[in-house]
Protein backbone atom coordinates (compact mmCIF):
# COMPACT_ATOMS: atom_id res chain seq x y z
CA MET A 1 -48.42 16.61 177.51
CA LEU A 2 -47.34 14.58 174.14
CA LEU A 3 -50.84 13.82 173.80
CA TYR A 4 -51.74 17.56 173.52
CA ALA A 5 -49.13 18.33 171.29
CA LEU A 6 -49.17 15.76 168.95
CA ILE A 7 -53.35 17.09 168.99
CA VAL A 8 -52.07 20.28 168.04
CA PHE A 9 -49.75 19.16 165.19
CA LEU A 10 -51.99 16.95 163.62
CA VAL A 11 -54.26 19.95 163.26
CA GLY A 12 -51.65 21.80 161.79
CA ALA A 13 -51.18 19.10 159.61
CA CYS A 14 -55.05 19.98 158.00
CA GLY A 15 -53.81 23.57 157.73
CA GLY A 16 -50.44 21.98 156.14
CA LEU A 17 -52.76 20.16 153.69
CA VAL A 18 -54.87 23.06 152.32
CA LEU A 19 -51.57 24.68 151.53
CA ALA A 20 -50.50 22.37 150.16
CA SER A 21 -52.96 22.05 147.54
CA PHE A 22 -52.71 25.71 146.50
CA VAL A 23 -49.00 25.21 145.48
CA LEU A 24 -48.99 22.42 143.72
CA ARG A 25 -51.59 24.13 142.02
CA GLY A 26 -49.81 27.17 140.98
CA LYS A 27 -51.52 29.28 143.42
CA LEU A 28 -50.63 31.47 146.09
CA ALA A 29 -52.09 29.91 149.87
CA PRO A 30 -54.25 31.92 151.94
CA TRP A 31 -52.44 34.23 154.21
CA ALA A 32 -54.90 33.70 156.75
CA VAL A 33 -54.42 29.70 156.52
CA SER A 34 -50.75 29.78 156.27
CA LEU A 35 -50.84 32.08 159.65
CA LEU A 36 -52.84 29.96 161.85
CA HIS A 37 -50.43 26.68 160.34
CA ALA A 38 -47.36 28.13 161.86
CA MET A 39 -49.37 29.22 164.90
CA LEU A 40 -50.44 25.86 165.57
CA GLY A 41 -46.50 24.35 164.26
CA ALA A 42 -45.14 27.03 166.81
CA THR A 43 -47.39 26.33 169.62
CA GLY A 44 -46.44 21.85 169.51
CA ILE A 45 -42.90 22.65 169.45
CA LEU A 46 -43.02 25.08 172.49
CA LEU A 47 -45.54 22.08 173.88
CA LEU A 48 -43.49 18.90 172.77
CA ALA A 49 -40.55 21.02 174.88
CA THR A 50 -42.06 21.59 177.89
CA ALA A 51 -42.92 18.07 177.86
CA ILE A 52 -39.40 16.76 177.38
CA LEU A 53 -38.06 19.43 179.70
CA MET A 54 -40.75 18.13 182.78
CA ASP A 55 -40.32 14.42 182.39
CA ASN A 56 -37.71 11.62 181.44
CA LEU A 57 -39.46 11.01 178.11
CA GLY A 58 -36.55 9.45 176.39
CA LYS A 59 -35.04 9.17 173.40
CA LEU A 60 -37.74 9.59 171.02
CA PRO A 61 -39.78 12.61 171.77
CA ILE A 62 -36.63 14.54 171.41
CA ILE A 63 -35.64 13.31 167.71
CA ALA A 64 -39.11 14.29 167.46
CA LEU A 65 -38.36 17.54 168.64
CA CYS A 66 -35.36 17.84 166.47
CA VAL A 67 -37.36 16.98 163.44
CA PHE A 68 -40.05 19.08 163.71
CA LEU A 69 -37.22 22.32 164.41
CA VAL A 70 -36.00 21.13 160.83
CA THR A 71 -39.40 21.08 159.60
CA ALA A 72 -40.08 24.93 161.14
CA GLY A 73 -36.73 26.22 159.29
CA PHE A 74 -38.38 24.92 156.04
CA GLY A 75 -41.65 26.32 157.28
CA PHE A 76 -39.70 29.74 157.82
CA TYR A 77 -38.45 29.67 154.27
CA LEU A 78 -41.80 28.69 152.73
CA ALA A 79 -43.07 31.71 154.91
CA SER A 80 -40.61 33.92 153.85
CA MET A 81 -41.35 32.72 150.01
CA HIS A 82 -45.32 33.34 150.26
CA TYR A 83 -44.58 36.46 152.18
CA GLY A 84 -42.60 37.85 149.26
CA LYS A 85 -45.66 36.85 147.14
CA ARG A 86 -43.61 33.93 145.16
CA VAL A 87 -45.23 30.53 144.97
CA ALA A 88 -42.69 27.95 147.01
CA MET A 89 -40.99 25.51 144.85
CA LYS A 90 -43.09 22.13 145.12
CA ARG A 91 -39.94 20.13 146.09
CA VAL A 92 -39.83 22.37 149.27
CA VAL A 93 -43.48 21.86 150.25
CA LEU A 94 -43.15 18.04 149.59
CA THR A 95 -39.73 18.02 152.06
CA HIS A 96 -41.68 20.30 154.48
CA ALA A 97 -43.97 17.80 154.61
CA SER A 98 -42.06 14.94 154.64
CA PHE A 99 -39.56 15.89 158.01
CA ALA A 100 -43.68 16.51 159.41
CA ILE A 101 -45.19 13.48 158.57
CA THR A 102 -42.08 11.64 160.55
CA GLY A 103 -41.76 14.00 163.51
CA ALA A 104 -45.67 13.67 163.40
CA LEU A 105 -44.90 9.43 163.46
CA LEU A 106 -42.49 10.15 165.95
CA LEU A 107 -44.27 11.77 168.34
CA ILE A 108 -47.30 9.52 167.99
CA ALA A 109 -44.60 6.28 168.69
CA ALA A 110 -43.39 8.50 171.60
CA VAL A 111 -47.61 8.73 172.71
CA VAL A 112 -48.01 5.19 172.68
CA MET A 113 -45.06 3.88 174.28
CA HIS A 114 -45.41 6.37 177.04
């Protein structure tokens, strides 16, 4: 199930790249992409949490989950900006992306080690 969570996160990252490309150009991104990105992130978190609860996978997946939860917090903030029809601050987008990349790298390591 770790691999499935990773795949979902990586597909969601593609949407994140699209969203970031809009914000970094000072434009609002399409809502459909934003919603899909959020849905994939939430699904990845649920899959990862389920995998952790179902099996003794060690500490790495738990750390990855914590990082993804922080990422989600930034994502909620970015979504609130988007909902208010305001372009988000670039540094917040880059912080969100940095946490997402960190979580993905931790999850990749967990998948490889498992």
